Protein backbone atom coordinates (compact mmCIF):
# COMPACT_ATOMS: atom_id res chain seq x y z
CA MET A 1 0.41 23.93 15.66
CA PHE A 2 2.34 22.69 18.65
CA ARG A 3 5.93 21.90 19.34
CA ARG A 4 6.93 18.50 20.63
CA SER A 5 10.34 17.56 21.93
CA VAL A 6 10.85 13.93 22.92
CA SER A 7 13.67 12.84 25.18
CA VAL A 8 12.36 9.65 26.83
CA ALA A 9 11.07 6.51 25.12
CA ARG A 10 7.40 5.92 25.96
CA ARG A 11 4.56 3.69 24.84
CA VAL A 12 1.21 5.42 24.80
CA VAL A 13 -2.27 4.67 23.52
CA ALA A 14 -3.36 6.81 20.60
CA PRO A 15 -6.65 8.37 21.72
CA ARG A 16 -8.46 7.85 18.41
CA LEU A 17 -7.19 4.35 17.70
CA ARG A 18 -7.94 2.22 20.73
CA GLY A 19 -5.38 -0.53 21.22
CA THR A 20 -2.85 1.01 18.84
CA HIS A 21 0.43 1.90 20.46
CA VAL A 22 2.67 4.69 19.33
CA TRP A 23 6.33 4.22 20.16
CA ILE A 24 8.28 7.41 20.67
CA GLN A 25 12.06 6.92 20.69
CA PRO A 26 14.63 9.42 22.01
CA GLN A 27 15.34 12.03 19.34
CA LEU A 28 12.63 10.45 17.18
CA LEU A 29 11.95 13.35 14.89
CA TYR A 30 13.93 15.63 17.12
CA THR A 31 12.26 18.94 17.97
CA GLN A 32 9.88 19.66 15.12
CA TRP A 33 6.53 21.24 14.35
CA ILE A 34 3.59 18.90 13.83
CA LYS A 35 0.02 19.73 12.86
CA PRO A 36 -2.45 17.46 14.75
CA ARG A 37 -5.91 16.54 13.58
CA SER A 38 -7.32 18.49 16.47
CA ALA A 39 -5.76 20.81 18.98
CA ILE A 40 -4.84 18.73 22.03
CA ARG A 41 -3.24 20.23 25.10
CA LEU A 42 -0.25 17.99 25.81
CA THR A 43 0.63 17.70 29.45
CA GLU A 44 3.31 15.50 31.00
CA PRO A 45 0.92 13.68 33.37
CA ALA A 46 -1.54 12.90 30.62
CA ARG A 47 1.11 11.89 28.06
CA ARG A 48 -1.53 11.95 25.35
CA TYR A 49 -0.60 11.90 21.67
CA THR A 50 -2.70 11.92 18.55
CA THR A 51 -2.05 10.23 15.22
CA HIS A 52 -0.98 12.19 12.16
CA SER A 53 -0.89 11.79 8.40
CA SER A 54 2.78 12.78 8.12
CA LEU A 55 4.86 10.47 5.94
CA TYR A 56 7.55 10.46 8.58
CA LEU A 57 5.68 9.92 11.84
CA ARG A 58 5.52 6.21 12.49
CA THR A 59 2.45 4.79 14.22
CA HIS A 60 3.07 1.04 13.90
CA THR A 61 2.71 -1.28 16.84
CA ASP A 62 6.05 -3.05 16.58
CA LEU A 63 9.31 -1.32 17.47
CA PRO A 64 12.50 -2.07 15.52
CA PRO A 65 15.15 -3.93 17.52
CA GLN A 66 17.90 -1.94 19.23
CA LEU A 67 18.47 0.85 16.74
CA SER A 68 21.76 1.77 18.36
CA THR A 69 23.31 -1.55 17.30
CA MET A 70 21.91 -1.94 13.77
CA ASP A 71 24.98 -0.35 12.16
CA ALA A 72 27.64 -1.33 14.70
CA PRO A 73 30.56 -1.46 14.85
CA TYR A 74 30.79 2.24 14.12
CA PRO A 75 33.82 3.66 12.29
CA VAL A 76 36.25 6.20 13.67
CA PRO A 77 35.25 9.60 12.23
CA GLY A 78 37.61 11.73 10.20
CA SER A 79 39.46 14.65 11.74
CA ASP A 80 36.51 16.88 10.82
CA GLY A 81 34.07 14.71 12.81
CA PHE A 82 32.27 13.22 9.79
CA VAL A 83 31.72 9.63 8.70
CA THR A 84 30.85 8.64 5.13
CA LEU A 85 28.33 5.93 4.27
CA SER A 86 26.03 4.72 1.54
CA PHE A 87 22.85 2.69 1.16
CA TYR A 88 20.21 1.89 -1.43
CA SER A 89 16.88 0.12 -1.43
CA PHE A 90 14.33 -0.86 -4.05
CA PHE A 91 10.66 -0.49 -3.12
CA SER A 92 7.55 1.27 -4.35
CA LEU A 93 7.97 4.91 -3.38
CA GLN A 94 4.98 7.21 -3.82
CA SER A 95 4.70 10.98 -3.28
CA ILE A 96 8.23 11.41 -4.60
CA GLN A 97 8.32 15.20 -4.53
CA THR A 98 7.03 15.28 -0.96
CA THR A 99 9.60 12.69 0.04
CA ARG A 100 12.36 14.67 -1.65
CA SER A 101 11.35 17.84 0.18
CA HIS A 102 11.24 16.09 3.56
CA LEU A 103 14.64 14.49 3.05
CA GLN A 104 16.22 17.75 1.92
CA ALA A 105 14.89 19.77 4.84
CA GLN A 106 15.18 17.28 7.68
CA TRP A 107 18.53 15.71 6.81
CA GLU A 108 19.99 19.14 6.11
CA ALA A 109 18.88 20.17 9.61
CA LEU A 110 20.96 17.28 10.98
CA GLY A 111 24.06 18.60 9.22
CA ILE A 112 24.08 15.75 6.70
CA VAL A 113 25.65 16.35 3.29
CA GLY A 114 25.76 14.14 0.22
CA ARG A 115 23.97 12.97 -2.90
CA VAL A 116 20.56 11.28 -2.79
CA TYR A 117 18.39 10.03 -5.65
CA VAL A 118 14.75 9.07 -5.16
CA SER A 119 12.39 7.55 -7.71
CA ASN A 120 9.31 5.32 -7.87
CA GLU A 121 11.73 2.39 -7.44
CA GLY A 122 13.30 3.52 -4.15
CA ILE A 123 16.35 5.42 -2.92
CA ASN A 124 20.10 5.57 -3.55
CA ALA A 125 22.17 7.63 -1.09
CA GLN A 126 25.81 8.54 -0.52
CA LEU A 127 26.19 10.65 2.62
CA SER A 128 28.66 12.25 4.99
CA VAL A 129 27.13 12.47 8.46
CA PRO A 130 28.37 14.17 11.63
CA PHE A 131 29.45 11.31 13.89
CA ALA A 132 27.14 12.53 16.67
CA LYS A 133 24.15 12.24 14.30
CA ILE A 134 24.56 8.64 13.12
CA ILE A 135 22.01 7.23 15.57
CA ASP A 136 19.71 10.16 14.79
CA LEU A 137 19.77 9.24 11.09
CA ARG A 138 19.03 5.58 11.78
CA GLU A 139 16.20 6.47 14.16
CA TRP A 140 14.78 8.89 11.61
CA LEU A 141 14.73 6.12 9.00
CA GLU A 142 13.24 3.50 11.30
CA HIS A 143 10.48 5.81 12.52
CA SER A 144 9.53 6.77 9.00
CA THR A 145 6.44 5.14 7.48
CA VAL A 146 8.25 5.31 4.14
CA PHE A 147 11.70 3.93 4.96
CA ARG A 148 11.16 1.90 8.11
CA GLY A 149 12.56 -1.63 7.74
CA ARG A 150 13.75 -0.95 4.20
CA ILE A 151 17.28 0.36 4.76
CA SER A 152 19.72 -2.39 5.72
CA ARG A 153 22.97 -1.85 7.58
CA PHE A 154 24.87 1.25 6.43
CA ASN A 155 27.75 0.53 4.03
CA TRP A 156 30.58 2.37 5.80
CA ALA A 157 33.29 3.94 3.66
CA LEU A 158 36.93 2.94 4.09
CA GLU A 159 38.11 6.49 4.76
CA HIS A 160 36.06 9.15 6.50
CA SER A 161 35.70 12.89 6.10
CA GLN A 162 33.14 15.41 4.88
CA ALA A 163 33.23 14.12 1.32
CA PHE A 164 30.50 16.44 -0.01
CA LYS A 165 29.98 20.20 0.20
CA ALA A 166 26.20 20.19 0.57
CA LEU A 167 23.13 17.94 0.53
CA HIS A 168 21.44 17.41 -2.83
CA VAL A 169 18.27 15.31 -2.99
CA ARG A 170 17.07 14.81 -6.54
CA VAL A 171 14.21 13.02 -8.24
CA ARG A 172 15.83 10.89 -10.91
CA PRO A 173 16.47 7.23 -11.82
CA LEU A 174 18.57 5.44 -9.19
CA VAL A 175 21.01 4.42 -11.94
CA ALA A 176 21.08 5.51 -15.58
CA ALA A 177 20.44 2.09 -17.13
CA GLY A 178 19.07 3.36 -20.43
CA VAL A 179 16.20 0.86 -20.25
CA GLU A 180 13.10 0.84 -18.10
CA VAL A 181 13.99 -1.00 -14.91
CA GLY A 182 10.86 -1.27 -12.82
CA LEU A 183 10.30 -3.20 -9.62
CA ASP A 184 9.05 -6.16 -11.64
CA VAL A 185 12.50 -6.39 -13.28
CA LEU A 186 14.39 -5.69 -10.05
CA ALA A 187 12.53 -8.58 -8.40
CA ASN A 188 14.80 -10.93 -10.42
CA GLU A 189 17.61 -10.38 -7.94
CA PRO A 190 21.05 -11.89 -8.52
CA GLU A 191 22.49 -14.05 -5.76
CA TYR A 192 24.38 -11.90 -3.24
CA VAL A 193 27.78 -13.15 -2.09
CA GLU A 194 29.23 -11.95 1.22
CA PRO A 195 32.71 -10.38 1.03
CA LYS A 196 34.21 -13.22 3.10
CA ASP A 197 33.06 -15.74 0.46
CA TRP A 198 33.94 -13.70 -2.62
CA GLY A 199 37.46 -15.10 -3.01
CA LYS A 200 36.06 -18.62 -3.20
CA GLU A 201 33.63 -17.57 -5.93
CA LEU A 202 36.45 -15.97 -7.93
CA ASP A 203 38.09 -19.41 -8.14
CA THR A 204 35.01 -20.90 -9.83
CA PRO A 205 36.12 -22.53 -13.12
CA ASP A 206 34.96 -20.70 -16.26
CA ALA A 207 33.45 -17.84 -14.27
CA LEU A 208 33.08 -14.55 -16.13
CA VAL A 209 34.08 -11.78 -13.70
CA LEU A 210 32.54 -8.45 -14.70
CA ASP A 211 33.65 -5.07 -13.37
CA MET A 212 30.49 -2.97 -13.72
CA ARG A 213 32.23 0.33 -12.95
CA ASN A 214 33.70 2.91 -15.33
CA THR A 215 36.98 2.36 -17.12
CA TYR A 216 38.70 5.11 -15.12
CA GLU A 217 37.71 3.36 -11.89
CA TYR A 218 39.16 0.13 -13.23
CA ARG A 219 42.47 1.92 -13.93
CA VAL A 220 43.32 2.41 -10.25
CA GLY A 221 41.88 -0.74 -8.68
CA ARG A 222 40.36 -4.09 -9.65
CA PHE A 223 40.02 -7.80 -9.02
CA ASP A 224 42.41 -9.91 -11.07
CA ASN A 225 40.99 -11.37 -14.29
CA ALA A 226 37.99 -9.03 -14.20
CA VAL A 227 36.62 -7.72 -17.48
CA CYS A 228 35.58 -4.06 -17.64
CA PRO A 229 33.70 -3.18 -20.86
CA ASP A 230 35.48 -0.36 -22.72
CA VAL A 231 32.56 2.08 -22.71
CA ASP A 232 31.77 5.42 -21.08
CA THR A 233 28.29 5.10 -19.55
CA PHE A 234 26.40 2.48 -17.56
CA ARG A 235 23.81 2.40 -20.33
CA GLU A 236 26.45 1.32 -22.85
CA GLU A 237 28.00 -1.06 -20.36
CA LEU A 238 24.73 -2.85 -19.68
CA ASP A 239 24.12 -3.27 -23.41
CA GLN A 240 27.59 -4.73 -23.93
CA VAL A 241 27.34 -7.06 -20.93
CA ARG A 242 24.02 -8.42 -22.18
CA THR A 243 25.61 -9.08 -25.56
CA MET A 244 28.64 -10.79 -23.97
CA CYS A 245 26.47 -13.03 -21.81
CA SER A 246 24.01 -13.94 -24.56
CA THR A 247 26.55 -16.32 -26.10
CA ARG A 248 27.20 -18.19 -22.87
CA PRO A 249 25.23 -21.19 -21.55
CA ARG A 250 22.32 -20.06 -19.41
CA ASP A 251 23.81 -21.67 -16.29
CA ALA A 252 27.40 -20.46 -16.87
CA PRO A 253 28.76 -18.64 -13.77
CA ILE A 254 28.70 -14.83 -13.95
CA LEU A 255 30.26 -12.79 -11.13
CA MET A 256 29.69 -9.04 -10.95
CA TYR A 257 31.03 -6.27 -8.73
CA CYS A 258 30.84 -2.48 -8.58
CA THR A 259 31.56 0.31 -6.10
CA GLY A 260 28.71 -0.07 -3.61
CA GLY A 261 26.46 -2.72 -5.14
CA ILE A 262 23.57 -0.90 -6.82
CA ARG A 263 24.80 -1.16 -10.40
CA CYS A 264 25.19 -4.92 -9.99
CA SER A 265 21.77 -5.28 -8.38
CA VAL A 266 20.26 -3.64 -11.47
CA ALA A 267 22.48 -5.36 -14.05
CA GLY A 268 22.12 -8.73 -12.32
CA ALA A 269 18.34 -8.42 -12.32
CA VAL A 270 18.36 -7.57 -16.03
CA LEU A 271 20.54 -10.61 -16.81
CA ARG A 272 18.31 -12.85 -14.71
CA GLY A 273 15.36 -11.47 -16.64
CA ASP A 274 17.19 -12.46 -19.84
CA GLY A 275 17.10 -16.08 -18.65
CA LEU A 276 20.59 -16.44 -17.13
CA THR A 277 20.36 -18.56 -13.99
CA ASN A 278 23.81 -18.33 -12.36
CA VAL A 279 24.36 -14.62 -11.73
CA LYS A 280 26.10 -13.59 -8.51
CA THR A 281 27.21 -10.22 -7.20
CA LEU A 282 29.43 -8.97 -4.38
CA ARG A 283 27.19 -7.70 -1.60
CA GLY A 284 28.11 -4.10 -0.74
CA GLY A 285 30.57 -3.89 -3.64
CA VAL A 286 34.23 -2.97 -3.35
CA ILE A 287 33.44 -0.79 -0.33
CA ALA A 288 32.22 -3.75 1.72
CA TYR A 289 35.04 -5.95 0.43
CA GLY A 290 37.55 -3.30 1.50
CA GLN A 291 36.09 -3.37 5.01
CA HIS A 292 36.48 -7.14 5.04
CA VAL A 293 40.10 -6.84 3.90
CA ARG A 294 40.94 -4.45 6.72
CA LYS A 295 39.48 -6.84 9.28
CA THR A 296 41.27 -9.92 7.93
CA GLN A 297 44.47 -8.52 6.39
CA GLU A 298 46.68 -10.46 8.80
CA THR A 299 45.15 -13.82 7.86
CA GLN A 300 43.76 -13.37 4.36
CA GLU A 301 45.25 -11.79 1.25
CA SER A 302 43.13 -9.28 -0.64
CA ARG A 303 41.95 -10.37 -4.07
CA PHE A 304 41.28 -6.73 -4.94
CA ARG A 305 44.36 -4.70 -5.79
CA GLY A 306 44.78 -0.95 -5.61
CA LYS A 307 42.33 1.82 -4.85
CA ASN A 308 38.55 2.09 -4.91
CA PHE A 309 37.48 5.20 -6.84
CA THR A 310 34.82 7.34 -5.12
CA PHE A 311 32.47 9.94 -6.61
CA ASP A 312 33.16 12.65 -4.06
CA LYS A 313 35.90 14.98 -2.90
CA ARG A 314 38.08 12.06 -1.76
CA ARG A 315 38.35 10.63 -5.29
CA GLY A 316 39.37 7.27 -3.89
CA GLU A 317 39.96 4.95 -0.93
CA VAL A 318 42.98 2.71 -0.48
CA VAL A 319 42.20 -1.02 -0.37
CA THR A 320 45.79 -2.22 -0.86
CA SER A 321 49.05 -0.30 -1.23
CA GLU A 322 49.62 -1.44 -4.82
CA ILE A 323 49.66 1.36 -7.39
CA LEU A 324 48.33 0.14 -10.73
CA ALA A 325 48.19 3.36 -12.74
CA LYS A 326 50.51 6.13 -13.95
CA CYS A 327 50.42 9.90 -13.99
CA ASP A 328 48.81 11.11 -17.22
CA GLN A 329 51.36 13.92 -17.50
CA CYS A 330 54.76 12.40 -16.71
CA GLY A 331 54.17 8.63 -16.60
CA SER A 332 55.36 8.07 -13.03
CA GLU A 333 53.55 5.60 -10.79
CA CYS A 334 50.47 7.30 -9.35
CA ASP A 335 46.80 6.58 -8.69
CA THR A 336 45.52 9.97 -7.51
CA PHE A 337 42.62 11.25 -9.60
CA VAL A 338 42.08 15.01 -9.79
CA ASN A 339 39.96 17.45 -11.73
CA CYS A 340 41.65 20.27 -13.57
CA ALA A 341 41.62 23.35 -11.33
CA HIS A 342 40.07 25.34 -14.18
CA THR A 343 36.44 24.50 -13.44
CA SER A 344 35.24 25.04 -17.02
CA CYS A 345 37.77 22.41 -18.07
CA ASN A 346 37.21 19.98 -15.18
CA LEU A 347 39.16 17.23 -16.97
CA LEU A 348 39.40 14.05 -14.86
CA PHE A 349 42.91 12.61 -14.88
CA ILE A 350 45.68 11.12 -12.75
CA GLN A 351 48.27 13.60 -11.54
CA CYS A 352 51.35 13.10 -9.35
CA PRO A 353 52.44 15.72 -6.77
CA GLY A 354 55.32 16.90 -9.00
CA CYS A 355 53.05 17.59 -11.96
CA ALA A 356 50.46 19.22 -9.70
CA GLU A 357 53.08 21.73 -8.62
CA LYS A 358 54.49 22.19 -12.10
CA HIS A 359 51.11 22.75 -13.79
CA LYS A 360 49.35 24.57 -10.91
CA LYS A 361 46.95 21.63 -10.41
CA THR A 362 45.71 21.89 -14.00
CA CYS A 363 45.86 19.75 -17.12
CA GLY A 364 48.71 21.93 -18.36
CA ARG A 365 46.82 23.91 -21.02
CA GLU A 366 47.97 27.52 -21.02
CA LEU A 367 44.37 28.71 -20.71
CA CYS A 368 43.79 26.50 -17.68
CA VAL A 369 46.99 27.54 -15.90
CA GLU A 370 46.07 31.21 -16.35
CA ARG A 371 42.42 30.91 -15.29
CA ALA A 372 43.14 28.65 -12.33
CA GLN A 373 45.06 31.52 -10.75
CA LEU A 374 42.15 33.96 -10.99
CA SER A 375 39.99 34.68 -7.95
CA HIS A 376 36.70 32.82 -7.64
CA GLU A 377 34.77 36.01 -8.45
CA GLU A 378 36.80 36.59 -11.61
CA ARG A 379 36.33 32.97 -12.75
CA VAL A 380 32.56 33.25 -12.26
CA LYS A 381 32.47 36.54 -14.15
CA GLN A 382 34.51 35.09 -17.04
CA LYS A 383 32.95 31.65 -17.05
CA LEU A 384 33.53 29.64 -20.22
CA PRO A 385 31.37 26.90 -21.75
CA PRO A 386 32.35 23.24 -21.08
CA GLN A 387 35.68 22.45 -22.74
CA TRP A 388 35.23 18.75 -23.41
CA SER A 389 32.65 16.17 -24.40
CA HIS A 390 31.83 13.64 -21.66
CA ARG A 391 33.96 10.99 -23.37
CA GLU A 392 36.97 13.30 -23.60
CA ARG A 393 36.57 14.50 -20.03
CA VAL A 394 36.89 10.98 -18.58
CA ARG A 395 39.38 9.65 -21.17
CA PRO A 396 42.66 11.51 -20.58
CA GLU A 397 44.45 9.19 -23.02
CA LEU A 398 42.48 10.88 -25.80
CA VAL A 399 43.62 14.41 -25.01
CA PHE A 400 47.07 14.29 -23.39
CA ARG A 401 50.20 14.67 -25.51
CA ASP A 402 53.64 15.33 -24.05
CA GLY A 403 52.18 15.86 -20.59
CA VAL A 404 49.69 18.55 -21.60
CA ALA A 405 46.03 18.28 -22.59
CA HIS A 406 45.30 19.46 -26.13
CA ASN A 407 41.92 20.87 -27.05
CA PRO A 408 40.88 21.90 -30.60
CA LEU A 409 39.29 25.00 -29.03
CA ASP A 410 42.80 26.29 -28.33
CA ASN A 411 43.66 26.53 -32.03
């Protein structure tokens, strides 16, 4: 074993592969332990490197263009020094468990937190990254034999902070479609529309505009005239969308959007596979459109109104100042989603500041108010089973009466 720390970009000839050049970029894999095929004494004058079988040590001859500008312009970090971003990519990914382990260990070492899914079809990632490590992350990706050239420009969030507590890399489907969606299906890509051109597409006569997010996301923000199927899972939504579109002419215009784009990439590919020929989706989803709105707000009116829901601690990003929803407890204008402070309840609902104070940041159930005031240790010791079904937990209209959630378990 030897330790290599690279600080200067060099091109060197791999001793066992004549004519093959190994590019070493600054902070390539940072300072890490590597096991060579044979023990080679590395000296600065000799500058000799060997080749390795590591998934993440790149030995290709061509160097990606200016890594430092691939994701520019860079956002201003939050007050805690973090930026939030997302990306996804479909490709044949082998050695999934090894990949998962490498991502978990090496990204965690960079201080990255977030949620990452890997499968045989690729990767789907939502991350909060220390601002000082953005270039490190991009270099890591572009010097990886697995991910190099496969991750396009980062989809920057609209608001930045450490949106996740820790890094979780899991082996699981990239989206829960309920049907087998292999690379052969995903090859039927929908047509991607840039955010700047989306408004023009929305004016297409007879276009069916589909919101492929959840109903609670639709509550706080949406494009006008969009249809959001009244279901609770993406699996159900995809089934309903396929049924809706089956009665339309094959070339009828279908426009789809979602939070960051991956749901529409999957759903659009499925619809194309069903024989529909005019399926378009918003590239980068509402996140990318929100970025476009902020750049052009003085000259162009946003077609999206309200807030973009996010699946992290932020619970949403403001696209426009319009408030489309109401507090589930008092009915006042509000679009702030919260989870009940009683973690075994965890009900997702909209709560205004007044009701948050009145009900101690809970859904108002007596049990929840009492347990929310216990110490963390006491709550863990007295942990209760889940209080709601999934449908009830994300459908506050089913459980709230007179400003308080009602659960049959209380009777």
